[in-house]
C-alpha atoms as a PDB file:
ATOM      1  CA  MET A   1     -27.417  21.528  -0.058  1.00  0.00           C
ATOM      2  CA  THR A   2     -25.575  18.568   0.380  1.00  0.00           C
ATOM      3  CA  ILE A   3     -23.233  18.032  -1.605  1.00  0.00           C
ATOM      4  CA  GLN A   4     -22.756  13.805  -3.082  1.00  0.00           C
ATOM      5  CA  HIS A   5     -19.601  12.413  -2.694  1.00  0.00           C
ATOM      6  CA  ASP A   6     -19.501   9.660  -4.940  1.00  0.00           C
ATOM      7  CA  ASP A   7     -18.195   8.943  -7.823  1.00  0.00           C
ATOM      8  CA  GLU A   8     -20.663   9.140 -10.465  1.00  0.00           C
ATOM      9  CA  SER A   9     -21.775  12.626  -8.670  1.00  0.00           C
ATOM     10  CA  LEU A  10     -18.067  14.483  -8.259  1.00  0.00           C
ATOM     11  CA  ALA A  11     -17.797  13.296 -12.079  1.00  0.00           C
ATOM     12  CA  MET A  12     -20.804  15.277 -12.973  1.00  0.00           C
ATOM     13  CA  LEU A  13     -19.813  17.842 -10.889  1.00  0.00           C
ATOM     14  CA  THR A  14     -16.741  18.068 -13.136  1.00  0.00           C
ATOM     15  CA  ALA A  15     -18.062  18.316 -16.020  1.00  0.00           C
ATOM     16  CA  ALA A  16     -19.643  21.374 -15.199  1.00  0.00           C
ATOM     17  CA  VAL A  17     -16.364  22.606 -13.736  1.00  0.00           C
ATOM     18  CA  ALA A  18     -14.947  21.609 -17.289  1.00  0.00           C
ATOM     19  CA  ALA A  19     -18.450  23.061 -19.179  1.00  0.00           C
ATOM     20  CA  GLU A  20     -18.044  26.723 -17.264  1.00  0.00           C
ATOM     21  CA  LEU A  21     -14.633  26.900 -17.977  1.00  0.00           C
ATOM     22  CA  LYS A  22     -15.037  26.554 -21.529  1.00  0.00           C
ATOM     23  CA  VAL A  23     -17.900  28.788 -21.606  1.00  0.00           C
ATOM     24  CA  GLN A  24     -15.416  31.701 -20.200  1.00  0.00           C
ATOM     25  CA  GLY A  25     -12.402  30.073 -22.022  1.00  0.00           C
ATOM     26  CA  ARG A  26      -9.626  29.837 -18.978  1.00  0.00           C
ATOM     27  CA  MET A  27      -7.271  27.260 -17.578  1.00  0.00           C
ATOM     28  CA  LEU A  28      -7.424  25.702 -14.215  1.00  0.00           C
ATOM     29  CA  ALA A  29      -4.406  24.401 -12.113  1.00  0.00           C
ATOM     30  CA  THR A  30      -4.440  22.421  -9.079  1.00  0.00           C
ATOM     31  CA  ALA A  31      -2.134  21.577  -5.870  1.00  0.00           C
ATOM     32  CA  GLU A  32      -3.442  19.034  -3.960  1.00  0.00           C
ATOM     33  CA  SER A  33      -2.194  17.451  -1.310  1.00  0.00           C
ATOM     34  CA  CYS A  34      -4.604  15.408   0.978  1.00  0.00           C
ATOM     35  CA  THR A  35      -6.588  14.127  -1.632  1.00  0.00           C
ATOM     36  CA  GLY A  36      -3.268  13.555  -4.380  1.00  0.00           C
ATOM     37  CA  GLY A  37      -4.523  14.412  -7.089  1.00  0.00           C
ATOM     38  CA  TRP A  38      -8.108  13.312  -7.814  1.00  0.00           C
ATOM     39  CA  ILE A  39      -9.112  16.019  -8.030  1.00  0.00           C
ATOM     40  CA  ALA A  40      -6.893  16.558 -11.176  1.00  0.00           C
ATOM     41  CA  LYS A  41      -7.174  13.487 -13.061  1.00  0.00           C
ATOM     42  CA  LEU A  42     -11.441  13.639 -12.612  1.00  0.00           C
ATOM     43  CA  CYS A  43     -10.631  16.791 -14.519  1.00  0.00           C
ATOM     44  CA  THR A  44      -8.195  14.110 -17.154  1.00  0.00           C
ATOM     45  CA  ASP A  45     -10.549  11.835 -17.454  1.00  0.00           C
ATOM     46  CA  LEU A  46     -13.318  13.726 -19.336  1.00  0.00           C
ATOM     47  CA  ALA A  47     -12.024  13.699 -22.659  1.00  0.00           C
ATOM     48  CA  GLY A  48     -10.932  17.482 -24.471  1.00  0.00           C
ATOM     49  CA  SER A  49     -10.279  18.217 -20.815  1.00  0.00           C
ATOM     50  CA  SER A  50      -6.295  20.245 -22.658  1.00  0.00           C
ATOM     51  CA  ALA A  51      -8.946  22.869 -23.806  1.00  0.00           C
ATOM     52  CA  TRP A  52     -10.093  23.994 -19.804  1.00  0.00           C
ATOM     53  CA  PHE A  53      -7.302  21.936 -17.416  1.00  0.00           C
ATOM     54  CA  GLU A  54      -2.912  22.728 -18.071  1.00  0.00           C
ATOM     55  CA  ARG A  55      -1.799  20.853 -15.165  1.00  0.00           C
ATOM     56  CA  GLY A  56      -2.194  19.608 -11.704  1.00  0.00           C
ATOM     57  CA  VAL A  57       1.269  19.394  -9.156  1.00  0.00           C
ATOM     58  CA  VAL A  58       1.135  16.714  -6.242  1.00  0.00           C
ATOM     59  CA  SER A  59       2.430  18.706  -3.091  1.00  0.00           C
ATOM     60  CA  TYR A  60       2.427  15.991  -0.548  1.00  0.00           C
ATOM     61  CA  SER A  61       5.490  17.353   1.907  1.00  0.00           C
ATOM     62  CA  ASN A  62       5.974  20.346   3.093  1.00  0.00           C
ATOM     63  CA  GLU A  63       9.264  20.427   1.397  1.00  0.00           C
ATOM     64  CA  ALA A  64       7.356  20.178  -2.171  1.00  0.00           C
ATOM     65  CA  LYS A  65       4.127  23.069  -0.838  1.00  0.00           C
ATOM     66  CA  GLN A  66       7.793  24.492  -1.038  1.00  0.00           C
ATOM     67  CA  GLU A  67       9.936  23.971  -4.051  1.00  0.00           C
ATOM     68  CA  LEU A  68       6.725  23.317  -6.060  1.00  0.00           C
ATOM     69  CA  LEU A  69       5.026  26.489  -5.331  1.00  0.00           C
ATOM     70  CA  GLY A  70       7.235  28.838  -4.087  1.00  0.00           C
ATOM     71  CA  VAL A  71       5.463  28.183  -0.087  1.00  0.00           C
ATOM     72  CA  PRO A  72       7.771  30.707   2.089  1.00  0.00           C
ATOM     73  CA  ARG A  73       8.982  27.838   5.280  1.00  0.00           C
ATOM     74  CA  GLY A  74       8.016  30.487   7.507  1.00  0.00           C
ATOM     75  CA  ARG A  75       4.463  30.400   6.508  1.00  0.00           C
ATOM     76  CA  ILE A  76       4.590  26.564   7.308  1.00  0.00           C
ATOM     77  CA  ALA A  77       6.184  26.705  10.397  1.00  0.00           C
ATOM     78  CA  ARG A  78       3.774  29.074  12.389  1.00  0.00           C
ATOM     79  CA  PHE A  79       0.243  28.340  10.143  1.00  0.00           C
ATOM     80  CA  GLY A  80       1.210  24.414  10.163  1.00  0.00           C
ATOM     81  CA  ALA A  81       0.365  23.243   5.918  1.00  0.00           C
ATOM     82  CA  VAL A  82      -3.076  22.560   7.163  1.00  0.00           C
ATOM     83  CA  SER A  83      -3.741  25.979   7.215  1.00  0.00           C
ATOM     84  CA  GLU A  84      -5.721  29.426   4.522  1.00  0.00           C
ATOM     85  CA  GLU A  85      -2.369  31.054   4.536  1.00  0.00           C
ATOM     86  CA  VAL A  86      -0.790  27.910   3.402  1.00  0.00           C
ATOM     87  CA  ALA A  87      -2.869  26.905   0.913  1.00  0.00           C
ATOM     88  CA  ALA A  88      -3.389  30.509  -0.282  1.00  0.00           C
ATOM     89  CA  ASP A  89       0.116  30.437  -1.035  1.00  0.00           C
ATOM     90  CA  MET A  90      -0.905  26.776  -3.083  1.00  0.00           C
ATOM     91  CA  ALA A  91      -2.848  28.411  -5.087  1.00  0.00           C
ATOM     92  CA  GLY A  92      -1.627  31.191  -6.070  1.00  0.00           C
ATOM     93  CA  GLY A  93       1.865  29.642  -6.269  1.00  0.00           C
ATOM     94  CA  ALA A  94      -0.074  26.696  -9.009  1.00  0.00           C
ATOM     95  CA  LEU A  95      -0.932  30.526 -10.785  1.00  0.00           C
ATOM     96  CA  GLU A  96       2.517  31.708 -10.601  1.00  0.00           C
ATOM     97  CA  HIS A  97       3.968  28.488 -11.637  1.00  0.00           C
ATOM     98  CA  SER A  98       1.766  27.855 -14.387  1.00  0.00           C
ATOM     99  CA  ARG A  99      -0.207  28.881 -17.838  1.00  0.00           C
ATOM    100  CA  ALA A 100      -3.275  28.613 -15.852  1.00  0.00           C
ATOM    101  CA  ASP A 101      -5.821  32.002 -15.035  1.00  0.00           C
ATOM    102  CA  LEU A 102      -7.546  30.644 -12.167  1.00  0.00           C
ATOM    103  CA  ALA A 103      -5.848  27.408  -9.645  1.00  0.00           C
ATOM    104  CA  LEU A 104      -7.390  25.638  -6.814  1.00  0.00           C
ATOM    105  CA  SER A 105      -5.188  24.138  -3.801  1.00  0.00           C
ATOM    106  CA  VAL A 106      -6.298  21.186  -0.682  1.00  0.00           C
ATOM    107  CA  THR A 107      -3.820  20.380   2.511  1.00  0.00           C
ATOM    108  CA  GLY A 108      -5.912  19.062   5.052  1.00  0.00           C
ATOM    109  CA  ILE A 109      -6.012  16.166   7.064  1.00  0.00           C
ATOM    110  CA  ALA A 110      -7.005  12.415   6.411  1.00  0.00           C
ATOM    111  CA  GLY A 111      -6.758  10.706   8.607  1.00  0.00           C
ATOM    112  CA  PRO A 112      -6.630   8.264  10.389  1.00  0.00           C
ATOM    113  CA  ASP A 113      -3.942   9.866  11.863  1.00  0.00           C
ATOM    114  CA  GLY A 114      -1.986  12.737  12.265  1.00  0.00           C
ATOM    115  CA  GLY A 115      -4.864  15.416  13.683  1.00  0.00           C
ATOM    116  CA  SER A 116      -4.302  17.792  16.810  1.00  0.00           C
ATOM    117  CA  PRO A 117      -6.995  19.686  18.782  1.00  0.00           C
ATOM    118  CA  ASP A 118      -6.601  22.818  17.353  1.00  0.00           C
ATOM    119  CA  LYS A 119      -6.372  20.528  13.869  1.00  0.00           C
ATOM    120  CA  PRO A 120      -8.406  17.016  14.564  1.00  0.00           C
ATOM    121  CA  VAL A 121      -9.070  14.417  11.266  1.00  0.00           C
ATOM    122  CA  GLY A 122     -10.967  15.657   8.876  1.00  0.00           C
ATOM    123  CA  THR A 123      -9.703  19.206   8.252  1.00  0.00           C
ATOM    124  CA  VAL A 124      -9.076  20.369   4.904  1.00  0.00           C
ATOM    125  CA  CYS A 125      -8.609  24.332   3.540  1.00  0.00           C
ATOM    126  CA  PHE A 126      -8.522  24.894   0.511  1.00  0.00           C
ATOM    127  CA  GLY A 127      -8.036  28.115  -1.575  1.00  0.00           C
ATOM    128  CA  TRP A 128      -8.864  29.558  -5.496  1.00  0.00           C
ATOM    129  CA  ALA A 129      -7.005  32.403  -6.744  1.00  0.00           C
ATOM    130  CA  LEU A 130      -9.457  33.197  -9.114  1.00  0.00           C
ATOM    131  CA  SER A 131      -6.732  36.134 -10.584  1.00  0.00           C
ATOM    132  CA  ASP A 132      -3.185  37.826  -9.611  1.00  0.00           C
ATOM    133  CA  ASP A 133      -4.782  39.666  -6.690  1.00  0.00           C
ATOM    134  CA  LEU A 134      -7.433  37.433  -5.543  1.00  0.00           C
ATOM    135  CA  VAL A 135      -6.773  34.570  -3.104  1.00  0.00           C
ATOM    136  CA  GLU A 136     -10.400  33.404  -1.254  1.00  0.00           C
ATOM    137  CA  THR A 137      -9.997  30.723   1.514  1.00  0.00           C
ATOM    138  CA  GLU A 138     -12.077  27.715   3.597  1.00  0.00           C
ATOM    139  CA  CYS A 139     -11.727  26.081   6.428  1.00  0.00           C
ATOM    140  CA  HIS A 140     -13.443  22.738   6.644  1.00  0.00           C
ATOM    141  CA  ARG A 141     -14.082  19.395   9.072  1.00  0.00           C
ATOM    142  CA  PHE A 142     -15.701  16.516   7.311  1.00  0.00           C
ATOM    143  CA  PRO A 143     -16.718  13.707   9.386  1.00  0.00           C
ATOM    144  CA  GLY A 144     -15.685  10.096   8.593  1.00  0.00           C
ATOM    145  CA  ASP A 145     -12.746   7.837   7.168  1.00  0.00           C
ATOM    146  CA  ARG A 146      -9.734   8.803   4.655  1.00  0.00           C
ATOM    147  CA  GLU A 147     -12.070   7.638   2.485  1.00  0.00           C
ATOM    148  CA  ALA A 148     -14.709   9.685   3.140  1.00  0.00           C
ATOM    149  CA  VAL A 149     -12.786  12.635   4.172  1.00  0.00           C
ATOM    150  CA  ARG A 150     -11.528  12.734   0.656  1.00  0.00           C
ATOM    151  CA  ARG A 151     -14.158  12.677  -1.220  1.00  0.00           C
ATOM    152  CA  ALA A 152     -15.523  15.337   0.206  1.00  0.00           C
ATOM    153  CA  THR A 153     -11.745  17.876   0.005  1.00  0.00           C
ATOM    154  CA  VAL A 154     -13.058  17.175  -4.359  1.00  0.00           C
ATOM    155  CA  ALA A 155     -16.484  17.621  -3.802  1.00  0.00           C
ATOM    156  CA  ALA A 156     -16.181  20.436  -2.173  1.00  0.00           C
ATOM    157  CA  ALA A 157     -13.193  21.902  -3.981  1.00  0.00           C
ATOM    158  CA  LEU A 158     -14.942  21.518  -7.393  1.00  0.00           C
ATOM    159  CA  SER A 159     -18.156  22.879  -5.706  1.00  0.00           C
ATOM    160  CA  GLY A 160     -15.920  25.743  -4.815  1.00  0.00           C
ATOM    161  CA  LEU A 161     -15.018  26.310  -8.046  1.00  0.00           C
ATOM    162  CA  LEU A 162     -17.855  26.160  -9.777  1.00  0.00           C
ATOM    163  CA  ASP A 163     -19.591  28.912  -7.360  1.00  0.00           C
ATOM    164  CA  ARG A 164     -16.600  31.309  -7.745  1.00  0.00           C
ATOM    165  CA  VAL A 165     -16.345  30.481 -11.976  1.00  0.00           C
ATOM    166  CA  SER A 166     -19.857  30.904 -12.358  1.00  0.00           C
ATOM    167  CA  GLY A 167     -20.108  34.208 -10.079  1.00  0.00           C
ATOM    168  CA  ILE A 168     -17.190  35.687 -12.684  1.00  0.00           C
ATOM    169  CA  GLY A 169     -18.810  34.441 -15.732  1.00  0.00           C
ATOM    170  CA  ARG A 170     -21.867  36.295 -15.286  1.00  0.00           C
ATOM    171  CA  GLY A 171     -20.939  39.103 -12.870  1.00  0.00           C
END
């Protein structure tokens, strides 16, 4: 299944997430780095989002990840800011530092600079904290320029959340 990244598709995906969260009576927190708050913006674009969206944190710098989300400095030093380990810590920190009962995080290299042979431009890691003791992570590499990478990141984060939350609601 191809995930669309245009504005209308992202809005529809966000509305689907909102509907599922409302049905389940759940609250979402976001921790965003490379998307700079784009996911939180999409959430709050929907009227009534306060019923299911609790807060969003933009933790662009390593210091913000540490100070706002409690990501240990040693984890960033060992694994890098763009890693599944840090994405997990970001999602867990968003959950811990909010009143939400689930959280998502994104950390990546949107470009055009900042990539390396091990982590080229387009590398993005995701975290979904579904409870205090369950955090799932993934990393992807998206093609294209900065805008394309960020759009794909937003779509993948919301789609991954919807898949997970729909599974909880039906499981």
